[in-house]
Amino acid sequence: MLAKRIQLTGSTLRNRADQFKADLLSDLGQQVWPLFAEGRLKPQLVGSYAVKDAEAAFAELAGNQVSGKLVLVIDGSLV
């Protein structure tokens, strides 16, 4: 992470008031999720692997050449 100057930011929201969390979810629903529905925001999906091929997916990640998300598909009928 240091070599690529990547920042990892996260929050558990545990110490936030319930109203804050409710407002946050409402804001996401109104301001962010529609951008995905409109196609203006897209997840950076590099590829998907059947769960039986998880070892190959982890090998790809270990190669450090992935610039997006890899998905393990548990049930092929969901894709």
C-alpha atoms as a PDB file:
ATOM      1  CA  MET A   1       0.000   0.000   0.000  1.00  0.00           C
ATOM      2  CA  LEU A   2       2.824   2.380   0.754  1.00  0.00           C
ATOM      3  CA  ALA A   3       4.529   1.808  -2.591  1.00  0.00           C
ATOM      4  CA  LYS A   4       1.342   2.597  -4.497  1.00  0.00           C
ATOM      5  CA  ARG A   5       0.239   5.356  -2.101  1.00  0.00           C
ATOM      6  CA  ILE A   6      -3.074   3.609  -1.603  1.00  0.00           C
ATOM      7  CA  GLN A   7      -5.303   4.629   1.281  1.00  0.00           C
ATOM      8  CA  LEU A   8      -7.658   2.224   2.986  1.00  0.00           C
ATOM      9  CA  THR A   9     -10.496   3.909   4.832  1.00  0.00           C
ATOM     10  CA  GLY A  10     -13.300   2.238   6.692  1.00  0.00           C
ATOM     11  CA  SER A  11     -15.861   2.704   9.405  1.00  0.00           C
ATOM     12  CA  THR A  12     -17.816   0.355  11.576  1.00  0.00           C
ATOM     13  CA  LEU A  13     -20.331   3.054  12.526  1.00  0.00           C
ATOM     14  CA  ARG A  14     -20.642   1.335  15.914  1.00  0.00           C
ATOM     15  CA  ASN A  15     -20.233   4.500  17.923  1.00  0.00           C
ATOM     16  CA  ARG A  16     -22.710   6.465  15.805  1.00  0.00           C
ATOM     17  CA  ALA A  17     -26.282   7.173  16.828  1.00  0.00           C
ATOM     18  CA  ASP A  18     -29.022   5.102  15.242  1.00  0.00           C
ATOM     19  CA  GLN A  19     -30.486   8.231  13.629  1.00  0.00           C
ATOM     20  CA  PHE A  20     -27.135   9.006  11.983  1.00  0.00           C
ATOM     21  CA  LYS A  21     -27.042   5.497  10.522  1.00  0.00           C
ATOM     22  CA  ALA A  22     -30.637   5.788   9.297  1.00  0.00           C
ATOM     23  CA  ASP A  23     -29.881   9.153   7.672  1.00  0.00           C
ATOM     24  CA  LEU A  24     -26.771   7.719   6.040  1.00  0.00           C
ATOM     25  CA  LEU A  25     -28.737   4.841   4.537  1.00  0.00           C
ATOM     26  CA  SER A  26     -31.384   7.244   3.318  1.00  0.00           C
ATOM     27  CA  ASP A  27     -28.760   9.477   1.696  1.00  0.00           C
ATOM     28  CA  LEU A  28     -27.163   6.482  -0.018  1.00  0.00           C
ATOM     29  CA  GLY A  29     -30.549   5.438  -1.350  1.00  0.00           C
ATOM     30  CA  GLN A  30     -31.258   8.886  -2.725  1.00  0.00           C
ATOM     31  CA  GLN A  31     -27.836  10.000  -3.927  1.00  0.00           C
ATOM     32  CA  VAL A  32     -25.583   7.006  -4.631  1.00  0.00           C
ATOM     33  CA  TRP A  33     -27.597   3.916  -5.617  1.00  0.00           C
ATOM     34  CA  PRO A  34     -29.397   5.802  -8.438  1.00  0.00           C
ATOM     35  CA  LEU A  35     -25.993   6.520 -10.004  1.00  0.00           C
ATOM     36  CA  PHE A  36     -25.420   2.763 -10.279  1.00  0.00           C
ATOM     37  CA  ALA A  37     -28.920   2.261 -11.714  1.00  0.00           C
ATOM     38  CA  GLU A  38     -28.264   4.986 -14.318  1.00  0.00           C
ATOM     39  CA  GLY A  39     -24.916   3.459 -15.248  1.00  0.00           C
ATOM     40  CA  ARG A  40     -23.006   6.586 -14.199  1.00  0.00           C
ATOM     41  CA  LEU A  41     -21.152   4.565 -11.540  1.00  0.00           C
ATOM     42  CA  LYS A  42     -19.973   1.033 -12.201  1.00  0.00           C
ATOM     43  CA  PRO A  43     -18.164  -1.451  -9.981  1.00  0.00           C
ATOM     44  CA  GLN A  44     -14.666  -2.215 -11.205  1.00  0.00           C
ATOM     45  CA  LEU A  45     -15.204  -5.934 -11.802  1.00  0.00           C
ATOM     46  CA  VAL A  46     -12.145  -7.611 -13.287  1.00  0.00           C
ATOM     47  CA  GLY A  47     -13.602 -11.092 -13.415  1.00  0.00           C
ATOM     48  CA  SER A  48     -15.438 -13.863 -11.698  1.00  0.00           C
ATOM     49  CA  TYR A  49     -14.508 -17.390 -10.711  1.00  0.00           C
ATOM     50  CA  ALA A  50     -16.600 -20.376  -9.752  1.00  0.00           C
ATOM     51  CA  VAL A  51     -16.063 -21.083  -6.070  1.00  0.00           C
ATOM     52  CA  LYS A  52     -14.368 -24.358  -7.031  1.00  0.00           C
ATOM     53  CA  ASP A  53     -11.710 -22.228  -8.771  1.00  0.00           C
ATOM     54  CA  ALA A  54     -11.047 -20.039  -5.728  1.00  0.00           C
ATOM     55  CA  GLU A  55      -7.389 -21.070  -5.696  1.00  0.00           C
ATOM     56  CA  ALA A  56      -6.925 -19.604  -9.189  1.00  0.00           C
ATOM     57  CA  ALA A  57      -8.653 -16.389  -8.099  1.00  0.00           C
ATOM     58  CA  PHE A  58      -6.322 -16.059  -5.116  1.00  0.00           C
ATOM     59  CA  ALA A  59      -3.337 -16.753  -7.381  1.00  0.00           C
ATOM     60  CA  GLU A  60      -4.453 -13.892  -9.628  1.00  0.00           C
ATOM     61  CA  LEU A  61      -4.734 -11.610  -6.603  1.00  0.00           C
ATOM     62  CA  ALA A  62      -1.311 -12.710  -5.372  1.00  0.00           C
ATOM     63  CA  GLY A  63       0.156 -11.651  -8.728  1.00  0.00           C
ATOM     64  CA  ASN A  64      -0.688  -8.065  -7.732  1.00  0.00           C
ATOM     65  CA  GLN A  65      -1.867  -7.196 -11.259  1.00  0.00           C
ATOM     66  CA  VAL A  66      -5.569  -6.853 -10.439  1.00  0.00           C
ATOM     67  CA  SER A  67      -7.004  -3.336 -10.487  1.00  0.00           C
ATOM     68  CA  GLY A  68     -10.593  -4.074  -9.548  1.00  0.00           C
ATOM     69  CA  LYS A  69     -12.692  -6.762  -7.946  1.00  0.00           C
ATOM     70  CA  LEU A  70     -12.677 -10.504  -8.409  1.00  0.00           C
ATOM     71  CA  VAL A  71     -15.891 -12.291  -7.485  1.00  0.00           C
ATOM     72  CA  LEU A  72     -16.311 -15.870  -6.311  1.00  0.00           C
ATOM     73  CA  VAL A  73     -19.588 -17.240  -7.655  1.00  0.00           C
ATOM     74  CA  ILE A  74     -21.139 -19.774  -5.309  1.00  0.00           C
ATOM     75  CA  ASP A  75     -24.269 -20.499  -7.341  1.00  0.00           C
ATOM     76  CA  GLY A  76     -23.894 -20.201 -11.116  1.00  0.00           C
ATOM     77  CA  SER A  77     -27.646 -19.752 -11.544  1.00  0.00           C
ATOM     78  CA  LEU A  78     -27.347 -16.339  -9.852  1.00  0.00           C
ATOM     79  CA  VAL A  79     -25.124 -14.925 -12.604  1.00  0.00           C
END
